[in-house]
Amino acid sequence: MKAWRTIALHTAVAAGFMFLLQRYGLSATLESSLLWAIVFGGCAAGLAYSQANR
């Protein structure tokens, strides 16, 4: 159960970071920011999953 919590935390933090960076740091549109947040969060989830099952 702890592994899933870690994966969810990594996903949320990575998606939030990317959203804020795109939206406010680079002044991107809302749609673009959300798309990048989803992609970045998915990549972070995959990486966290692979590390948790090592």
PDB file of N, CA and C in Angstrom:
ATOM      1  N   MET A   1       0.813  -1.194   0.000  1.00  0.00           N
ATOM      2  CA  MET A   1       0.000   0.000   0.000  1.00  0.00           C
ATOM      3  C   MET A   1       0.856   1.257   0.000  1.00  0.00           C
ATOM      4  N   LYS A   2       1.999   1.189   0.679  1.00  0.00           N
ATOM      5  CA  LYS A   2       2.872   2.358   0.720  1.00  0.00           C
ATOM      6  C   LYS A   2       3.409   2.702  -0.662  1.00  0.00           C
ATOM      7  N   ALA A   3       3.632   1.683  -1.486  1.00  0.00           N
ATOM      8  CA  ALA A   3       4.143   1.943  -2.837  1.00  0.00           C
ATOM      9  C   ALA A   3       3.132   2.745  -3.654  1.00  0.00           C
ATOM     10  N   TRP A   4       1.852   2.426  -3.524  1.00  0.00           N
ATOM     11  CA  TRP A   4       0.837   3.160  -4.291  1.00  0.00           C
ATOM     12  C   TRP A   4       0.718   4.595  -3.825  1.00  0.00           C
ATOM     13  N   ARG A   5       0.902   4.810  -2.525  1.00  0.00           N
ATOM     14  CA  ARG A   5       0.862   6.176  -2.001  1.00  0.00           C
ATOM     15  C   ARG A   5       2.044   6.977  -2.536  1.00  0.00           C
ATOM     16  N   THR A   6       3.205   6.339  -2.605  1.00  0.00           N
ATOM     17  CA  THR A   6       4.395   7.007  -3.142  1.00  0.00           C
ATOM     18  C   THR A   6       4.220   7.329  -4.622  1.00  0.00           C
ATOM     19  N   ILE A   7       3.654   6.403  -5.367  1.00  0.00           N
ATOM     20  CA  ILE A   7       3.407   6.628  -6.797  1.00  0.00           C
ATOM     21  C   ILE A   7       2.426   7.783  -6.990  1.00  0.00           C
ATOM     22  N   ALA A   8       1.356   7.792  -6.202  1.00  0.00           N
ATOM     23  CA  ALA A   8       0.360   8.866  -6.306  1.00  0.00           C
ATOM     24  C   ALA A   8       0.970  10.219  -5.935  1.00  0.00           C
ATOM     25  N   LEU A   9       1.811  10.230  -4.919  1.00  0.00           N
ATOM     26  CA  LEU A   9       2.458  11.479  -4.510  1.00  0.00           C
ATOM     27  C   LEU A   9       3.388  11.995  -5.604  1.00  0.00           C
ATOM     28  N   HIS A  10       4.182  11.108  -6.185  1.00  0.00           N
ATOM     29  CA  HIS A  10       5.067  11.509  -7.279  1.00  0.00           C
ATOM     30  C   HIS A  10       4.270  12.059  -8.455  1.00  0.00           C
ATOM     31  N   THR A  11       3.171  11.385  -8.775  1.00  0.00           N
ATOM     32  CA  THR A  11       2.337  11.818  -9.891  1.00  0.00           C
ATOM     33  C   THR A  11       1.762  13.205  -9.646  1.00  0.00           C
ATOM     34  N   ALA A  12       1.204  13.410  -8.465  1.00  0.00           N
ATOM     35  CA  ALA A  12       0.570  14.691  -8.144  1.00  0.00           C
ATOM     36  C   ALA A  12       1.585  15.834  -8.111  1.00  0.00           C
ATOM     37  N   VAL A  13       2.734  15.594  -7.505  1.00  0.00           N
ATOM     38  CA  VAL A  13       3.748  16.656  -7.408  1.00  0.00           C
ATOM     39  C   VAL A  13       4.306  17.002  -8.781  1.00  0.00           C
ATOM     40  N   ALA A  14       4.583  15.983  -9.594  1.00  0.00           N
ATOM     41  CA  ALA A  14       5.125  16.244 -10.928  1.00  0.00           C
ATOM     42  C   ALA A  14       4.108  16.965 -11.807  1.00  0.00           C
ATOM     43  N   ALA A  15       2.858  16.538 -11.753  1.00  0.00           N
ATOM     44  CA  ALA A  15       1.823  17.188 -12.560  1.00  0.00           C
ATOM     45  C   ALA A  15       1.600  18.626 -12.094  1.00  0.00           C
ATOM     46  N   GLY A  16       1.567  18.827 -10.798  1.00  0.00           N
ATOM     47  CA  GLY A  16       1.388  20.181 -10.273  1.00  0.00           C
ATOM     48  C   GLY A  16       2.539  21.099 -10.639  1.00  0.00           C
ATOM     49  N   PHE A  17       3.754  20.578 -10.525  1.00  0.00           N
ATOM     50  CA  PHE A  17       4.929  21.374 -10.888  1.00  0.00           C
ATOM     51  C   PHE A  17       4.887  21.762 -12.357  1.00  0.00           C
ATOM     52  N   MET A  18       4.587  20.801 -13.211  1.00  0.00           N
ATOM     53  CA  MET A  18       4.578  21.090 -14.648  1.00  0.00           C
ATOM     54  C   MET A  18       3.462  22.062 -15.005  1.00  0.00           C
ATOM     55  N   PHE A  19       2.306  21.907 -14.359  1.00  0.00           N
ATOM     56  CA  PHE A  19       1.211  22.836 -14.625  1.00  0.00           C
ATOM     57  C   PHE A  19       1.601  24.259 -14.250  1.00  0.00           C
ATOM     58  N   LEU A  20       2.153  24.423 -13.052  1.00  0.00           N
ATOM     59  CA  LEU A  20       2.532  25.761 -12.605  1.00  0.00           C
ATOM     60  C   LEU A  20       3.643  26.355 -13.458  1.00  0.00           C
ATOM     61  N   LEU A  21       4.598  25.519 -13.841  1.00  0.00           N
ATOM     62  CA  LEU A  21       5.686  26.002 -14.693  1.00  0.00           C
ATOM     63  C   LEU A  21       5.161  26.463 -16.037  1.00  0.00           C
ATOM     64  N   GLN A  22       4.318  25.658 -16.669  1.00  0.00           N
ATOM     65  CA  GLN A  22       3.776  26.010 -17.977  1.00  0.00           C
ATOM     66  C   GLN A  22       2.854  27.223 -17.900  1.00  0.00           C
ATOM     67  N   ARG A  23       1.958  27.200 -16.923  1.00  0.00           N
ATOM     68  CA  ARG A  23       0.916  28.232 -16.851  1.00  0.00           C
ATOM     69  C   ARG A  23       1.473  29.594 -16.460  1.00  0.00           C
ATOM     70  N   TYR A  24       2.293  29.621 -15.414  1.00  0.00           N
ATOM     71  CA  TYR A  24       2.744  30.909 -14.894  1.00  0.00           C
ATOM     72  C   TYR A  24       4.177  31.242 -15.278  1.00  0.00           C
ATOM     73  N   GLY A  25       5.021  30.247 -15.373  1.00  0.00           N
ATOM     74  CA  GLY A  25       6.412  30.500 -15.738  1.00  0.00           C
ATOM     75  C   GLY A  25       6.588  30.793 -17.216  1.00  0.00           C
ATOM     76  N   LEU A  26       5.842  30.055 -18.044  1.00  0.00           N
ATOM     77  CA  LEU A  26       5.983  30.222 -19.489  1.00  0.00           C
ATOM     78  C   LEU A  26       4.768  30.876 -20.142  1.00  0.00           C
ATOM     79  N   SER A  27       3.766  31.224 -19.340  1.00  0.00           N
ATOM     80  CA  SER A  27       2.544  31.891 -19.819  1.00  0.00           C
ATOM     81  C   SER A  27       1.854  31.118 -20.939  1.00  0.00           C
ATOM     82  N   ALA A  28       1.739  29.810 -20.773  1.00  0.00           N
ATOM     83  CA  ALA A  28       1.075  28.979 -21.768  1.00  0.00           C
ATOM     84  C   ALA A  28      -0.439  29.011 -21.534  1.00  0.00           C
ATOM     85  N   THR A  29      -1.186  28.526 -22.493  1.00  0.00           N
ATOM     86  CA  THR A  29      -2.636  28.476 -22.350  1.00  0.00           C
ATOM     87  C   THR A  29      -3.011  27.395 -21.339  1.00  0.00           C
ATOM     88  N   LEU A  30      -4.244  27.460 -20.866  1.00  0.00           N
ATOM     89  CA  LEU A  30      -4.724  26.487 -19.889  1.00  0.00           C
ATOM     90  C   LEU A  30      -4.728  25.077 -20.470  1.00  0.00           C
ATOM     91  N   GLU A  31      -5.172  24.937 -21.706  1.00  0.00           N
ATOM     92  CA  GLU A  31      -5.232  23.625 -22.339  1.00  0.00           C
ATOM     93  C   GLU A  31      -3.843  23.012 -22.493  1.00  0.00           C
ATOM     94  N   SER A  32      -2.900  23.817 -22.916  1.00  0.00           N
ATOM     95  CA  SER A  32      -1.534  23.347 -23.076  1.00  0.00           C
ATOM     96  C   SER A  32      -0.925  22.965 -21.730  1.00  0.00           C
ATOM     97  N   SER A  33      -1.179  23.774 -20.732  1.00  0.00           N
ATOM     98  CA  SER A  33      -0.651  23.491 -19.397  1.00  0.00           C
ATOM     99  C   SER A  33      -1.213  22.191 -18.845  1.00  0.00           C
ATOM    100  N   LEU A  34      -2.511  21.968 -19.017  1.00  0.00           N
ATOM    101  CA  LEU A  34      -3.128  20.730 -18.544  1.00  0.00           C
ATOM    102  C   LEU A  34      -2.605  19.516 -19.296  1.00  0.00           C
ATOM    103  N   LEU A  35      -2.415  19.662 -20.590  1.00  0.00           N
ATOM    104  CA  LEU A  35      -1.895  18.553 -21.383  1.00  0.00           C
ATOM    105  C   LEU A  35      -0.495  18.171 -20.931  1.00  0.00           C
ATOM    106  N   TRP A  36       0.362  19.147 -20.754  1.00  0.00           N
ATOM    107  CA  TRP A  36       1.717  18.865 -20.291  1.00  0.00           C
ATOM    108  C   TRP A  36       1.723  18.297 -18.877  1.00  0.00           C
ATOM    109  N   ALA A  37       0.823  18.761 -18.031  1.00  0.00           N
ATOM    110  CA  ALA A  37       0.736  18.238 -16.669  1.00  0.00           C
ATOM    111  C   ALA A  37       0.336  16.769 -16.680  1.00  0.00           C
ATOM    112  N   ILE A  38      -0.602  16.409 -17.535  1.00  0.00           N
ATOM    113  CA  ILE A  38      -1.029  15.006 -17.635  1.00  0.00           C
ATOM    114  C   ILE A  38       0.103  14.132 -18.155  1.00  0.00           C
ATOM    115  N   VAL A  39       0.780  14.591 -19.190  1.00  0.00           N
ATOM    116  CA  VAL A  39       1.887  13.817 -19.763  1.00  0.00           C
ATOM    117  C   VAL A  39       3.027  13.668 -18.754  1.00  0.00           C
ATOM    118  N   PHE A  40       3.404  14.761 -18.120  1.00  0.00           N
ATOM    119  CA  PHE A  40       4.507  14.736 -17.160  1.00  0.00           C
ATOM    120  C   PHE A  40       4.143  13.892 -15.942  1.00  0.00           C
ATOM    121  N   GLY A  41       2.895  13.999 -15.485  1.00  0.00           N
ATOM    122  CA  GLY A  41       2.427  13.186 -14.370  1.00  0.00           C
ATOM    123  C   GLY A  41       2.424  11.708 -14.717  1.00  0.00           C
ATOM    124  N   GLY A  42       2.023  11.378 -15.935  1.00  0.00           N
ATOM    125  CA  GLY A  42       2.044   9.983 -16.371  1.00  0.00           C
ATOM    126  C   GLY A  42       3.449   9.420 -16.433  1.00  0.00           C
ATOM    127  N   CYS A  43       4.373  10.213 -16.919  1.00  0.00           N
ATOM    128  CA  CYS A  43       5.778   9.774 -16.947  1.00  0.00           C
ATOM    129  C   CYS A  43       6.327   9.591 -15.543  1.00  0.00           C
ATOM    130  N   ALA A  44       5.983  10.495 -14.641  1.00  0.00           N
ATOM    131  CA  ALA A  44       6.429  10.377 -13.258  1.00  0.00           C
ATOM    132  C   ALA A  44       5.827   9.150 -12.593  1.00  0.00           C
ATOM    133  N   ALA A  45       4.570   8.845 -12.907  1.00  0.00           N
ATOM    134  CA  ALA A  45       3.930   7.655 -12.346  1.00  0.00           C
ATOM    135  C   ALA A  45       4.620   6.388 -12.846  1.00  0.00           C
ATOM    136  N   GLY A  46       4.941   6.358 -14.122  1.00  0.00           N
ATOM    137  CA  GLY A  46       5.645   5.196 -14.666  1.00  0.00           C
ATOM    138  C   GLY A  46       7.019   5.014 -14.043  1.00  0.00           C
ATOM    139  N   LEU A  47       7.730   6.086 -13.864  1.00  0.00           N
ATOM    140  CA  LEU A  47       9.050   6.006 -13.248  1.00  0.00           C
ATOM    141  C   LEU A  47       8.956   5.593 -11.780  1.00  0.00           C
ATOM    142  N   ALA A  48       7.999   6.150 -11.060  1.00  0.00           N
ATOM    143  CA  ALA A  48       7.824   5.784  -9.650  1.00  0.00           C
ATOM    144  C   ALA A  48       7.399   4.326  -9.515  1.00  0.00           C
ATOM    145  N   TYR A  49       6.571   3.852 -10.431  1.00  0.00           N
ATOM    146  CA  TYR A  49       6.123   2.455 -10.404  1.00  0.00           C
ATOM    147  C   TYR A  49       7.301   1.518 -10.640  1.00  0.00           C
ATOM    148  N   SER A  50       8.136   1.867 -11.610  1.00  0.00           N
ATOM    149  CA  SER A  50       9.293   1.008 -11.900  1.00  0.00           C
ATOM    150  C   SER A  50      10.289   1.002 -10.748  1.00  0.00           C
ATOM    151  N   GLN A  51      10.449   2.141 -10.077  1.00  0.00           N
ATOM    152  CA  GLN A  51      11.352   2.211  -8.937  1.00  0.00           C
ATOM    153  C   GLN A  51      10.777   1.489  -7.710  1.00  0.00           C
ATOM    154  N   ALA A  52       9.468   1.524  -7.542  1.00  0.00           N
ATOM    155  CA  ALA A  52       8.840   0.875  -6.392  1.00  0.00           C
ATOM    156  C   ALA A  52       8.889  -0.649  -6.511  1.00  0.00           C
ATOM    157  N   ASN A  53       8.940  -1.156  -7.736  1.00  0.00           N
ATOM    158  CA  ASN A  53       8.949  -2.600  -7.960  1.00  0.00           C
ATOM    159  C   ASN A  53      10.340  -3.121  -8.248  1.00  0.00           C
ATOM    160  N   ARG A  54      11.331  -2.417  -7.854  1.00  0.00           N
ATOM    161  CA  ARG A  54      12.710  -2.822  -8.070  1.00  0.00           C
ATOM    162  C   ARG A  54      13.171  -3.832  -7.093  1.00  0.00           C
TER     163      ARG A  54
END
